[in-house]
């Protein structure tokens, strides 16, 4: 029953455009577009809609939905996202080139090399490589 299951995470964010820029432009995740509530369609152009109701980014088939929250309070809802990658040091270098504040990768006692980045709303994102 669960063999072909997939998982997605919804992050409620204070600034949708800023969050898309972080995940797409700074971390380099695949961006599939903004949801236009008026036309019930997806567009890649922020200017095509007044206020998108949703945006989606992907990493390795894993979906992160970004949803604006007018009543967002930092720290109110904590969600931890972790990505497993083949080369955490390469991701760290990418983050450094794109101005993303990240912890330096470190070997963990449970057999992973891990780093952490923080998005514009304070959500911590772990990026790890099994070693």
C-alpha atoms as a PDB file:
ATOM      1  CA  UNK A   1       0.000   0.000   0.000  1.00  0.00           C
ATOM      2  CA  UNK A   2       2.790   2.470   0.812  1.00  0.00           C
ATOM      3  CA  UNK A   3       5.398   1.302  -1.726  1.00  0.00           C
ATOM      4  CA  UNK A   4       4.664   4.071  -4.230  1.00  0.00           C
ATOM      5  CA  UNK A   5       3.630   6.752  -1.755  1.00  0.00           C
ATOM      6  CA  UNK A   6       5.083  10.222  -2.030  1.00  0.00           C
ATOM      7  CA  UNK A   7       5.247  13.001   0.483  1.00  0.00           C
ATOM      8  CA  UNK A   8       4.922  16.747   0.375  1.00  0.00           C
ATOM      9  CA  UNK A   9       5.271  19.498   2.938  1.00  0.00           C
ATOM     10  CA  UNK A  10       3.332  22.743   3.146  1.00  0.00           C
ATOM     11  CA  UNK A  11       5.130  25.747   4.567  1.00  0.00           C
ATOM     12  CA  UNK A  12       3.047  28.763   5.538  1.00  0.00           C
ATOM     13  CA  UNK A  13       5.197  31.795   4.805  1.00  0.00           C
ATOM     14  CA  UNK A  14       5.064  35.518   5.437  1.00  0.00           C
ATOM     15  CA  UNK A  15       6.276  36.540   1.965  1.00  0.00           C
ATOM     16  CA  UNK A  16       5.592  34.137  -0.900  1.00  0.00           C
ATOM     17  CA  UNK A  17       7.818  35.902  -3.419  1.00  0.00           C
ATOM     18  CA  UNK A  18      10.750  36.033  -0.989  1.00  0.00           C
ATOM     19  CA  UNK A  19      10.321  32.339  -0.172  1.00  0.00           C
ATOM     20  CA  UNK A  20      10.226  31.360  -3.864  1.00  0.00           C
ATOM     21  CA  UNK A  21      13.376  33.390  -4.472  1.00  0.00           C
ATOM     22  CA  UNK A  22      15.081  31.579  -1.579  1.00  0.00           C
ATOM     23  CA  UNK A  23      14.156  28.028  -2.567  1.00  0.00           C
ATOM     24  CA  UNK A  24      14.419  28.545  -6.357  1.00  0.00           C
ATOM     25  CA  UNK A  25      17.189  31.096  -6.812  1.00  0.00           C
ATOM     26  CA  UNK A  26      19.355  30.551  -3.755  1.00  0.00           C
ATOM     27  CA  UNK A  27      19.000  26.811  -3.078  1.00  0.00           C
ATOM     28  CA  UNK A  28      18.407  25.933  -6.738  1.00  0.00           C
ATOM     29  CA  UNK A  29      15.244  23.820  -6.336  1.00  0.00           C
ATOM     30  CA  UNK A  30      12.956  23.257  -9.316  1.00  0.00           C
ATOM     31  CA  UNK A  31      10.134  25.811  -9.395  1.00  0.00           C
ATOM     32  CA  UNK A  32       6.887  24.772 -11.084  1.00  0.00           C
ATOM     33  CA  UNK A  33       4.963  28.001 -10.733  1.00  0.00           C
ATOM     34  CA  UNK A  34       2.501  30.148  -8.838  1.00  0.00           C
ATOM     35  CA  UNK A  35      -1.150  29.218  -8.527  1.00  0.00           C
ATOM     36  CA  UNK A  36      -3.484  31.891  -9.889  1.00  0.00           C
ATOM     37  CA  UNK A  37      -6.726  31.678  -7.911  1.00  0.00           C
ATOM     38  CA  UNK A  38      -8.609  33.808 -10.446  1.00  0.00           C
ATOM     39  CA  UNK A  39      -7.859  31.706 -13.537  1.00  0.00           C
ATOM     40  CA  UNK A  40      -7.363  28.380 -11.710  1.00  0.00           C
ATOM     41  CA  UNK A  41      -4.071  27.840 -13.505  1.00  0.00           C
ATOM     42  CA  UNK A  42      -0.339  27.771 -12.867  1.00  0.00           C
ATOM     43  CA  UNK A  43       1.970  30.517 -14.089  1.00  0.00           C
ATOM     44  CA  UNK A  44       5.709  31.048 -13.694  1.00  0.00           C
ATOM     45  CA  UNK A  45       5.259  34.832 -13.857  1.00  0.00           C
ATOM     46  CA  UNK A  46       4.503  36.620 -10.565  1.00  0.00           C
ATOM     47  CA  UNK A  47       3.248  39.635 -12.540  1.00  0.00           C
ATOM     48  CA  UNK A  48       0.568  37.532 -14.216  1.00  0.00           C
ATOM     49  CA  UNK A  49      -1.430  37.317 -10.999  1.00  0.00           C
ATOM     50  CA  UNK A  50      -2.335  39.872  -8.335  1.00  0.00           C
ATOM     51  CA  UNK A  51      -1.465  37.736  -5.319  1.00  0.00           C
ATOM     52  CA  UNK A  52      -0.645  34.084  -5.940  1.00  0.00           C
ATOM     53  CA  UNK A  53      -2.386  31.702  -3.599  1.00  0.00           C
ATOM     54  CA  UNK A  54       0.345  29.083  -3.674  1.00  0.00           C
ATOM     55  CA  UNK A  55       3.719  28.171  -5.164  1.00  0.00           C
ATOM     56  CA  UNK A  56       5.506  24.862  -5.528  1.00  0.00           C
ATOM     57  CA  UNK A  57       9.149  23.804  -5.582  1.00  0.00           C
ATOM     58  CA  UNK A  58      10.630  20.328  -5.978  1.00  0.00           C
ATOM     59  CA  UNK A  59      13.834  18.548  -5.043  1.00  0.00           C
ATOM     60  CA  UNK A  60      14.310  15.004  -6.276  1.00  0.00           C
ATOM     61  CA  UNK A  61      10.582  14.419  -6.609  1.00  0.00           C
ATOM     62  CA  UNK A  62       9.816  15.834  -3.167  1.00  0.00           C
ATOM     63  CA  UNK A  63       7.304  18.685  -3.185  1.00  0.00           C
ATOM     64  CA  UNK A  64       7.350  21.732  -0.938  1.00  0.00           C
ATOM     65  CA  UNK A  65       4.199  23.813  -1.164  1.00  0.00           C
ATOM     66  CA  UNK A  66       4.598  27.464  -0.203  1.00  0.00           C
ATOM     67  CA  UNK A  67       1.403  29.102   1.001  1.00  0.00           C
ATOM     68  CA  UNK A  68       1.048  32.750   2.033  1.00  0.00           C
ATOM     69  CA  UNK A  69      -0.226  33.274   5.554  1.00  0.00           C
ATOM     70  CA  UNK A  70      -1.419  36.799   6.401  1.00  0.00           C
ATOM     71  CA  UNK A  71      -1.377  35.888  10.090  1.00  0.00           C
ATOM     72  CA  UNK A  72       2.093  34.336  10.038  1.00  0.00           C
ATOM     73  CA  UNK A  73       3.952  34.546  13.328  1.00  0.00           C
ATOM     74  CA  UNK A  74       7.614  33.493  13.317  1.00  0.00           C
ATOM     75  CA  UNK A  75       8.068  30.273  15.218  1.00  0.00           C
ATOM     76  CA  UNK A  76       4.333  29.550  15.485  1.00  0.00           C
ATOM     77  CA  UNK A  77       4.519  26.449  13.315  1.00  0.00           C
ATOM     78  CA  UNK A  78       7.842  24.656  13.156  1.00  0.00           C
ATOM     79  CA  UNK A  79       8.398  22.221  10.349  1.00  0.00           C
ATOM     80  CA  UNK A  80      11.709  20.539   9.728  1.00  0.00           C
ATOM     81  CA  UNK A  81      12.622  19.615   6.198  1.00  0.00           C
ATOM     82  CA  UNK A  82      15.548  17.344   5.383  1.00  0.00           C
ATOM     83  CA  UNK A  83      17.024  16.604   1.987  1.00  0.00           C
ATOM     84  CA  UNK A  84      19.334  13.683   1.377  1.00  0.00           C
ATOM     85  CA  UNK A  85      21.895  14.475  -1.316  1.00  0.00           C
ATOM     86  CA  UNK A  86      24.891  12.724  -2.881  1.00  0.00           C
ATOM     87  CA  UNK A  87      27.390  15.492  -2.039  1.00  0.00           C
ATOM     88  CA  UNK A  88      26.598  17.811   0.872  1.00  0.00           C
ATOM     89  CA  UNK A  89      29.854  19.718   0.377  1.00  0.00           C
ATOM     90  CA  UNK A  90      28.839  20.628  -3.173  1.00  0.00           C
ATOM     91  CA  UNK A  91      25.504  21.923  -1.839  1.00  0.00           C
ATOM     92  CA  UNK A  92      27.378  23.939   0.785  1.00  0.00           C
ATOM     93  CA  UNK A  93      29.580  25.480  -1.926  1.00  0.00           C
ATOM     94  CA  UNK A  94      26.454  26.308  -3.962  1.00  0.00           C
ATOM     95  CA  UNK A  95      24.891  27.992  -0.916  1.00  0.00           C
ATOM     96  CA  UNK A  96      28.036  30.031  -0.302  1.00  0.00           C
ATOM     97  CA  UNK A  97      28.049  31.257  -3.924  1.00  0.00           C
ATOM     98  CA  UNK A  98      24.371  32.270  -3.646  1.00  0.00           C
ATOM     99  CA  UNK A  99      24.556  34.092  -0.312  1.00  0.00           C
ATOM    100  CA  UNK A 100      22.734  31.457   1.741  1.00  0.00           C
ATOM    101  CA  UNK A 101      23.760  31.316   5.386  1.00  0.00           C
ATOM    102  CA  UNK A 102      24.554  27.704   6.158  1.00  0.00           C
ATOM    103  CA  UNK A 103      26.319  25.753   8.849  1.00  0.00           C
ATOM    104  CA  UNK A 104      29.465  24.046   7.636  1.00  0.00           C
ATOM    105  CA  UNK A 105      28.930  20.373   6.854  1.00  0.00           C
ATOM    106  CA  UNK A 106      29.873  18.179   9.796  1.00  0.00           C
ATOM    107  CA  UNK A 107      30.046  14.429  10.327  1.00  0.00           C
ATOM    108  CA  UNK A 108      27.327  13.248  12.705  1.00  0.00           C
ATOM    109  CA  UNK A 109      27.578  10.208  14.982  1.00  0.00           C
ATOM    110  CA  UNK A 110      24.601   8.544  13.253  1.00  0.00           C
ATOM    111  CA  UNK A 111      26.488   8.203   9.958  1.00  0.00           C
ATOM    112  CA  UNK A 112      25.595  11.353   8.088  1.00  0.00           C
ATOM    113  CA  UNK A 113      27.438  14.465   6.997  1.00  0.00           C
ATOM    114  CA  UNK A 114      25.004  17.328   7.541  1.00  0.00           C
ATOM    115  CA  UNK A 115      24.532  21.070   7.177  1.00  0.00           C
ATOM    116  CA  UNK A 116      21.577  23.339   7.974  1.00  0.00           C
ATOM    117  CA  UNK A 117      20.209  26.410   6.178  1.00  0.00           C
ATOM    118  CA  UNK A 118      17.466  28.731   7.376  1.00  0.00           C
ATOM    119  CA  UNK A 119      14.848  30.150   5.009  1.00  0.00           C
ATOM    120  CA  UNK A 120      13.466  33.711   5.188  1.00  0.00           C
ATOM    121  CA  UNK A 121      10.754  32.676   7.691  1.00  0.00           C
ATOM    122  CA  UNK A 122      13.137  30.861  10.031  1.00  0.00           C
ATOM    123  CA  UNK A 123      12.353  27.311   8.869  1.00  0.00           C
ATOM    124  CA  UNK A 124      15.446  25.165   9.326  1.00  0.00           C
ATOM    125  CA  UNK A 125      16.306  22.883   6.423  1.00  0.00           C
ATOM    126  CA  UNK A 126      18.771  20.049   7.011  1.00  0.00           C
ATOM    127  CA  UNK A 127      20.787  18.824   4.048  1.00  0.00           C
ATOM    128  CA  UNK A 128      22.613  15.561   4.586  1.00  0.00           C
ATOM    129  CA  UNK A 129      24.656  12.880   2.923  1.00  0.00           C
ATOM    130  CA  UNK A 130      24.898   9.375   4.353  1.00  0.00           C
ATOM    131  CA  UNK A 131      28.524   8.396   4.891  1.00  0.00           C
END
